[in-house]
Amino acid sequence: MKLFLIRQTDDEYVDKIQRSIDRWDRWGIWLMLGYAAIIIAMIWWIVDMMQGLPGLIGQLNIPAQQGAQIGGAIGLGIGFSFSGVIGVFVMAGMGFRRERLLLKYYDASHVMPSDEKDSDVVDNDAKREW
């Protein structure tokens, strides 16, 4: 059982996915450039920090065990940050294939045969452009 269950109809869920894909198609390149800038800044910061870290540990006179704990905490923080940023690159590289297929087959299943169409019914394929 989910803790926060949000009840949505299928149409609402599909519309939310469509808006999400439209946003990604519009802003995706800028997000990717932003994430690339974050990775470059993180690498620069790590290199800069690693150059000054031995002198800092020598001045603080930290025992080896505490130094290893501090290094482990720093490493975990950096690792999780890289993991999140690289996850976005992987997701973008796949091109939201699963979501696009969901929209394609949802639209195909909701298209009425031509003899049953009313004049006020809008074709779902015409509404969604790929």
N, C-alpha and C. Protein backbone atom coordinates (compact mmCIF):
# COMPACT_ATOMS: atom_id res chain seq x y z
N MET A 1 0.84 -1.17 0.00
CA MET A 1 0.00 0.00 0.00
C MET A 1 0.88 1.24 0.00
N LYS A 2 0.60 2.15 -0.88
CA LYS A 2 1.37 3.37 -0.95
C LYS A 2 0.93 4.33 0.15
N LEU A 3 1.88 5.08 0.65
CA LEU A 3 1.60 6.01 1.73
C LEU A 3 0.77 7.19 1.23
N PHE A 4 1.18 7.77 0.12
CA PHE A 4 0.46 8.90 -0.45
C PHE A 4 -0.09 8.48 -1.81
N LEU A 5 -1.26 7.94 -1.82
CA LEU A 5 -1.87 7.45 -3.04
C LEU A 5 -2.62 8.58 -3.73
N ILE A 6 -2.17 8.93 -4.91
CA ILE A 6 -2.82 9.97 -5.69
C ILE A 6 -3.66 9.28 -6.74
N ARG A 7 -4.93 9.47 -6.67
CA ARG A 7 -5.84 8.83 -7.62
C ARG A 7 -5.91 9.67 -8.88
N GLN A 8 -5.55 9.04 -9.99
CA GLN A 8 -5.61 9.69 -11.28
C GLN A 8 -6.29 8.75 -12.25
N THR A 9 -7.02 9.33 -13.15
CA THR A 9 -7.57 8.50 -14.22
C THR A 9 -6.46 8.25 -15.23
N ASP A 10 -6.71 7.31 -16.13
CA ASP A 10 -5.71 7.02 -17.15
C ASP A 10 -5.44 8.24 -18.02
N ASP A 11 -6.50 8.96 -18.35
CA ASP A 11 -6.33 10.15 -19.19
C ASP A 11 -5.47 11.21 -18.50
N GLU A 12 -5.67 11.41 -17.20
CA GLU A 12 -4.87 12.39 -16.46
C GLU A 12 -3.40 11.96 -16.41
N TYR A 13 -3.17 10.67 -16.19
CA TYR A 13 -1.80 10.16 -16.13
C TYR A 13 -1.10 10.32 -17.48
N VAL A 14 -1.79 9.98 -18.56
CA VAL A 14 -1.21 10.09 -19.89
C VAL A 14 -0.95 11.55 -20.24
N ASP A 15 -1.87 12.45 -19.88
CA ASP A 15 -1.65 13.87 -20.13
C ASP A 15 -0.45 14.40 -19.35
N LYS A 16 -0.27 13.91 -18.11
CA LYS A 16 0.89 14.33 -17.31
C LYS A 16 2.19 13.87 -17.97
N ILE A 17 2.20 12.65 -18.49
CA ILE A 17 3.39 12.15 -19.18
C ILE A 17 3.65 12.95 -20.44
N GLN A 18 2.58 13.28 -21.19
CA GLN A 18 2.74 14.06 -22.41
C GLN A 18 3.33 15.44 -22.11
N ARG A 19 2.86 16.08 -21.06
CA ARG A 19 3.41 17.38 -20.68
C ARG A 19 4.88 17.27 -20.28
N SER A 20 5.21 16.18 -19.58
CA SER A 20 6.59 15.96 -19.15
C SER A 20 7.51 15.78 -20.37
N ILE A 21 7.08 15.01 -21.33
CA ILE A 21 7.88 14.79 -22.54
C ILE A 21 7.99 16.09 -23.33
N ASP A 22 6.91 16.84 -23.42
CA ASP A 22 6.96 18.12 -24.12
C ASP A 22 7.96 19.07 -23.46
N ARG A 23 7.96 19.10 -22.12
CA ARG A 23 8.91 19.95 -21.41
C ARG A 23 10.34 19.51 -21.69
N TRP A 24 10.56 18.19 -21.68
CA TRP A 24 11.90 17.68 -21.93
C TRP A 24 12.34 18.01 -23.36
N ASP A 25 11.43 17.86 -24.32
CA ASP A 25 11.77 18.18 -25.71
C ASP A 25 12.11 19.66 -25.86
N ARG A 26 11.48 20.51 -25.07
CA ARG A 26 11.72 21.95 -25.17
C ARG A 26 12.99 22.36 -24.42
N TRP A 27 13.20 21.85 -23.21
CA TRP A 27 14.29 22.32 -22.36
C TRP A 27 15.41 21.30 -22.16
N GLY A 28 15.31 20.14 -22.76
CA GLY A 28 16.27 19.06 -22.50
C GLY A 28 17.71 19.41 -22.78
N ILE A 29 17.97 20.08 -23.91
CA ILE A 29 19.35 20.41 -24.25
C ILE A 29 19.96 21.36 -23.23
N TRP A 30 19.16 22.29 -22.72
CA TRP A 30 19.68 23.22 -21.72
C TRP A 30 19.92 22.52 -20.39
N LEU A 31 19.05 21.57 -20.05
CA LEU A 31 19.27 20.80 -18.82
C LEU A 31 20.54 19.96 -18.93
N MET A 32 20.75 19.36 -20.10
CA MET A 32 21.95 18.54 -20.30
C MET A 32 23.21 19.41 -20.20
N LEU A 33 23.17 20.60 -20.78
CA LEU A 33 24.31 21.50 -20.66
C LEU A 33 24.53 21.92 -19.21
N GLY A 34 23.45 22.15 -18.48
CA GLY A 34 23.57 22.49 -17.07
C GLY A 34 24.18 21.37 -16.25
N TYR A 35 23.72 20.14 -16.52
CA TYR A 35 24.29 18.99 -15.80
C TYR A 35 25.75 18.77 -16.18
N ALA A 36 26.10 18.99 -17.44
CA ALA A 36 27.50 18.88 -17.84
C ALA A 36 28.35 19.91 -17.11
N ALA A 37 27.82 21.13 -16.95
CA ALA A 37 28.54 22.16 -16.20
C ALA A 37 28.70 21.75 -14.74
N ILE A 38 27.68 21.11 -14.17
CA ILE A 38 27.77 20.64 -12.78
C ILE A 38 28.86 19.59 -12.65
N ILE A 39 28.94 18.66 -13.60
CA ILE A 39 29.97 17.61 -13.54
C ILE A 39 31.36 18.24 -13.65
N ILE A 40 31.54 19.18 -14.57
CA ILE A 40 32.84 19.84 -14.72
C ILE A 40 33.21 20.58 -13.44
N ALA A 41 32.25 21.28 -12.85
CA ALA A 41 32.52 22.01 -11.60
C ALA A 41 32.86 21.04 -10.47
N MET A 42 32.17 19.91 -10.41
CA MET A 42 32.46 18.93 -9.35
C MET A 42 33.85 18.34 -9.53
N ILE A 43 34.25 18.04 -10.76
CA ILE A 43 35.58 17.49 -10.99
C ILE A 43 36.64 18.52 -10.61
N TRP A 44 36.41 19.79 -10.99
CA TRP A 44 37.36 20.84 -10.64
C TRP A 44 37.46 20.98 -9.12
N TRP A 45 36.30 20.94 -8.43
CA TRP A 45 36.30 21.08 -6.98
C TRP A 45 37.02 19.90 -6.32
N ILE A 46 36.79 18.68 -6.83
CA ILE A 46 37.43 17.50 -6.24
C ILE A 46 38.94 17.58 -6.39
N VAL A 47 39.40 17.95 -7.59
CA VAL A 47 40.85 18.06 -7.81
C VAL A 47 41.44 19.13 -6.91
N ASP A 48 40.77 20.26 -6.80
CA ASP A 48 41.25 21.35 -5.94
C ASP A 48 41.27 20.92 -4.48
N MET A 49 40.23 20.21 -4.05
CA MET A 49 40.15 19.78 -2.66
C MET A 49 41.22 18.73 -2.35
N MET A 50 41.45 17.81 -3.29
CA MET A 50 42.43 16.76 -3.04
C MET A 50 43.85 17.31 -2.96
N GLN A 51 44.12 18.40 -3.65
CA GLN A 51 45.45 19.00 -3.57
C GLN A 51 45.69 19.64 -2.21
N GLY A 52 44.66 20.19 -1.60
CA GLY A 52 44.82 20.86 -0.31
C GLY A 52 44.55 19.97 0.89
N LEU A 53 43.98 18.78 0.68
CA LEU A 53 43.60 17.90 1.78
C LEU A 53 44.79 17.36 2.59
N PRO A 54 45.89 16.91 1.96
CA PRO A 54 47.01 16.40 2.78
C PRO A 54 47.58 17.46 3.73
N GLY A 55 47.69 18.68 3.27
CA GLY A 55 48.20 19.74 4.15
C GLY A 55 47.24 20.03 5.29
N LEU A 56 45.94 19.97 5.02
CA LEU A 56 44.94 20.24 6.04
C LEU A 56 44.96 19.15 7.11
N ILE A 57 45.06 17.89 6.69
CA ILE A 57 45.08 16.79 7.66
C ILE A 57 46.35 16.85 8.49
N GLY A 58 47.47 17.22 7.87
CA GLY A 58 48.72 17.35 8.63
C GLY A 58 48.64 18.46 9.66
N GLN A 59 48.00 19.56 9.34
CA GLN A 59 47.88 20.67 10.29
C GLN A 59 46.93 20.34 11.42
N LEU A 60 45.86 19.60 11.14
CA LEU A 60 44.88 19.29 12.18
C LEU A 60 45.33 18.15 13.08
N ASN A 61 46.36 17.42 12.65
CA ASN A 61 46.90 16.31 13.41
C ASN A 61 45.82 15.27 13.72
N ILE A 62 45.09 14.84 12.68
CA ILE A 62 43.99 13.89 12.82
C ILE A 62 44.54 12.47 12.75
N PRO A 63 44.11 11.58 13.65
CA PRO A 63 44.51 10.18 13.56
C PRO A 63 44.01 9.56 12.26
N ALA A 64 44.65 8.49 11.85
CA ALA A 64 44.34 7.85 10.57
C ALA A 64 42.89 7.37 10.51
N GLN A 65 42.37 6.84 11.61
CA GLN A 65 41.00 6.32 11.60
C GLN A 65 40.00 7.45 11.35
N GLN A 66 40.15 8.58 11.98
CA GLN A 66 39.24 9.70 11.77
C GLN A 66 39.42 10.28 10.37
N GLY A 67 40.63 10.29 9.88
CA GLY A 67 40.87 10.75 8.52
C GLY A 67 40.17 9.86 7.51
N ALA A 68 40.18 8.55 7.75
CA ALA A 68 39.49 7.61 6.86
C ALA A 68 37.99 7.81 6.92
N GLN A 69 37.45 8.10 8.09
CA GLN A 69 36.01 8.35 8.21
C GLN A 69 35.62 9.62 7.48
N ILE A 70 36.42 10.66 7.61
CA ILE A 70 36.14 11.91 6.90
C ILE A 70 36.21 11.69 5.40
N GLY A 71 37.25 10.98 4.96
CA GLY A 71 37.39 10.68 3.53
C GLY A 71 36.25 9.83 3.01
N GLY A 72 35.78 8.88 3.81
CA GLY A 72 34.64 8.05 3.40
C GLY A 72 33.37 8.86 3.26
N ALA A 73 33.15 9.78 4.19
CA ALA A 73 31.96 10.64 4.11
C ALA A 73 32.02 11.54 2.88
N ILE A 74 33.19 12.10 2.63
CA ILE A 74 33.35 12.95 1.44
C ILE A 74 33.14 12.11 0.17
N GLY A 75 33.71 10.93 0.15
CA GLY A 75 33.56 10.05 -1.02
C GLY A 75 32.12 9.64 -1.27
N LEU A 76 31.38 9.34 -0.21
CA LEU A 76 29.97 8.99 -0.38
C LEU A 76 29.17 10.16 -0.93
N GLY A 77 29.41 11.35 -0.41
CA GLY A 77 28.70 12.53 -0.89
C GLY A 77 28.98 12.79 -2.37
N ILE A 78 30.24 12.71 -2.74
CA ILE A 78 30.60 12.92 -4.14
C ILE A 78 30.03 11.81 -5.02
N GLY A 79 30.09 10.59 -4.55
CA GLY A 79 29.57 9.46 -5.32
C GLY A 79 28.07 9.56 -5.57
N PHE A 80 27.31 9.92 -4.55
CA PHE A 80 25.86 10.07 -4.73
C PHE A 80 25.54 11.23 -5.67
N SER A 81 26.32 12.29 -5.59
CA SER A 81 26.10 13.42 -6.50
C SER A 81 26.36 13.02 -7.94
N PHE A 82 27.47 12.34 -8.19
CA PHE A 82 27.77 11.87 -9.54
C PHE A 82 26.71 10.89 -10.02
N SER A 83 26.25 10.04 -9.12
CA SER A 83 25.23 9.05 -9.49
C SER A 83 23.96 9.74 -9.97
N GLY A 84 23.53 10.77 -9.28
CA GLY A 84 22.32 11.49 -9.69
C GLY A 84 22.48 12.18 -11.03
N VAL A 85 23.61 12.83 -11.23
CA VAL A 85 23.82 13.55 -12.48
C VAL A 85 23.97 12.59 -13.65
N ILE A 86 24.71 11.51 -13.46
CA ILE A 86 24.88 10.53 -14.53
C ILE A 86 23.56 9.81 -14.81
N GLY A 87 22.73 9.62 -13.79
CA GLY A 87 21.41 9.02 -14.01
C GLY A 87 20.55 9.85 -14.95
N VAL A 88 20.66 11.17 -14.85
CA VAL A 88 19.92 12.05 -15.76
C VAL A 88 20.44 11.88 -17.18
N PHE A 89 21.76 11.75 -17.35
CA PHE A 89 22.31 11.54 -18.68
C PHE A 89 21.83 10.22 -19.28
N VAL A 90 21.78 9.18 -18.48
CA VAL A 90 21.32 7.88 -18.97
C VAL A 90 19.85 7.96 -19.36
N MET A 91 19.04 8.59 -18.53
CA MET A 91 17.62 8.73 -18.83
C MET A 91 17.41 9.51 -20.12
N ALA A 92 18.19 10.56 -20.31
CA ALA A 92 18.08 11.35 -21.54
C ALA A 92 18.57 10.57 -22.74
N GLY A 93 19.59 9.75 -22.54
CA GLY A 93 20.12 8.95 -23.64
C GLY A 93 19.11 7.93 -24.15
N MET A 94 18.27 7.44 -23.27
CA MET A 94 17.23 6.49 -23.68
C MET A 94 16.10 7.19 -24.41
N GLY A 95 15.97 8.48 -24.23
CA GLY A 95 14.95 9.23 -24.95
C GLY A 95 13.54 9.00 -24.48
N PHE A 96 13.37 8.63 -23.24
CA PHE A 96 12.03 8.39 -22.67
C PHE A 96 11.26 7.37 -23.52
N ARG A 97 11.92 6.31 -23.91
CA ARG A 97 11.32 5.32 -24.80
C ARG A 97 10.06 4.70 -24.21
N ARG A 98 10.12 4.34 -22.95
CA ARG A 98 8.97 3.70 -22.31
C ARG A 98 7.75 4.62 -22.30
N GLU A 99 7.98 5.88 -21.97
CA GLU A 99 6.87 6.83 -21.90
C GLU A 99 6.30 7.12 -23.29
N ARG A 100 7.18 7.22 -24.28
CA ARG A 100 6.71 7.48 -25.65
C ARG A 100 5.90 6.29 -26.18
N LEU A 101 6.35 5.07 -25.84
CA LEU A 101 5.59 3.89 -26.25
C LEU A 101 4.23 3.84 -25.56
N LEU A 102 4.18 4.21 -24.29
CA LEU A 102 2.92 4.26 -23.58
C LEU A 102 1.95 5.21 -24.27
N LEU A 103 2.43 6.40 -24.63
CA LEU A 103 1.57 7.37 -25.31
C LEU A 103 1.11 6.85 -26.67
N LYS A 104 2.02 6.22 -27.39
CA LYS A 104 1.69 5.72 -28.72
C LYS A 104 0.59 4.66 -28.65
N TYR A 105 0.75 3.69 -27.76
CA TYR A 105 -0.24 2.62 -27.68
C TYR A 105 -1.52 3.06 -26.98
N TYR A 106 -1.43 4.00 -26.07
CA TYR A 106 -2.64 4.53 -25.45
C TYR A 106 -3.48 5.26 -26.48
N ASP A 107 -2.81 6.08 -27.30
CA ASP A 107 -3.53 6.79 -28.36
C ASP A 107 -4.12 5.82 -29.37
N ALA A 108 -3.37 4.77 -29.72
CA ALA A 108 -3.88 3.80 -30.69
C ALA A 108 -5.08 3.03 -30.15
N SER A 109 -5.09 2.79 -28.86
CA SER A 109 -6.22 2.04 -28.30
C SER A 109 -7.46 2.89 -28.12
N HIS A 110 -7.30 4.20 -28.15
CA HIS A 110 -8.44 5.10 -27.95
C HIS A 110 -8.92 5.76 -29.23
N VAL A 111 -8.43 5.32 -30.38
CA VAL A 111 -8.90 5.86 -31.65
C VAL A 111 -10.13 5.08 -32.06
N MET A 112 -11.20 5.81 -32.35
CA MET A 112 -12.45 5.16 -32.72
C MET A 112 -12.46 4.90 -34.23
N PRO A 113 -13.12 3.84 -34.67
CA PRO A 113 -13.22 3.61 -36.11
C PRO A 113 -13.89 4.80 -36.80
N SER A 114 -13.60 4.99 -38.08
CA SER A 114 -14.05 6.19 -38.78
C SER A 114 -15.56 6.29 -38.88
N ASP A 115 -16.30 5.17 -38.90
CA ASP A 115 -17.75 5.26 -39.00
C ASP A 115 -18.40 5.65 -37.68
N GLU A 116 -17.71 5.50 -36.55
CA GLU A 116 -18.28 5.85 -35.26
C GLU A 116 -17.84 7.23 -34.77
N LYS A 117 -16.98 7.91 -35.51
CA LYS A 117 -16.49 9.21 -35.06
C LYS A 117 -17.57 10.27 -35.19
N ASP A 118 -17.65 11.12 -34.18
CA ASP A 118 -18.53 12.28 -34.23
C ASP A 118 -17.72 13.46 -34.75
N SER A 119 -18.40 14.49 -35.11
CA SER A 119 -17.71 15.66 -35.64
C SER A 119 -16.96 16.42 -34.54
N ASP A 120 -17.37 16.25 -33.28
CA ASP A 120 -16.73 16.99 -32.19
C ASP A 120 -15.60 16.20 -31.53
N VAL A 121 -15.33 14.98 -31.95
CA VAL A 121 -14.26 14.18 -31.37
C VAL A 121 -12.96 14.52 -32.07
N VAL A 122 -11.92 14.80 -31.27
CA VAL A 122 -10.62 15.15 -31.83
C VAL A 122 -9.76 13.89 -31.87
N ASP A 123 -9.07 13.69 -32.96
CA ASP A 123 -8.20 12.54 -33.12
C ASP A 123 -6.99 12.70 -32.20
N ASN A 124 -6.70 11.66 -31.40
CA ASN A 124 -5.60 11.74 -30.44
C ASN A 124 -4.25 11.83 -31.13
N ASP A 125 -4.09 11.17 -32.29
CA ASP A 125 -2.80 11.23 -32.98
C ASP A 125 -2.52 12.62 -33.53
N ALA A 126 -3.56 13.34 -33.92
CA ALA A 126 -3.36 14.69 -34.42
C ALA A 126 -2.99 15.63 -33.28
N LYS A 127 -3.45 15.32 -32.08
CA LYS A 127 -3.17 16.16 -30.92
C LYS A 127 -1.73 16.02 -30.45
N ARG A 128 -1.19 14.81 -30.53
CA ARG A 128 0.18 14.55 -30.05
C ARG A 128 1.13 14.48 -31.25
N GLU A 129 2.07 15.37 -31.29
CA GLU A 129 3.05 15.37 -32.37
C GLU A 129 4.35 14.83 -31.86
N TRP A 130 5.00 14.00 -32.66
CA TRP A 130 6.27 13.41 -32.27
C TRP A 130 7.32 14.11 -33.01
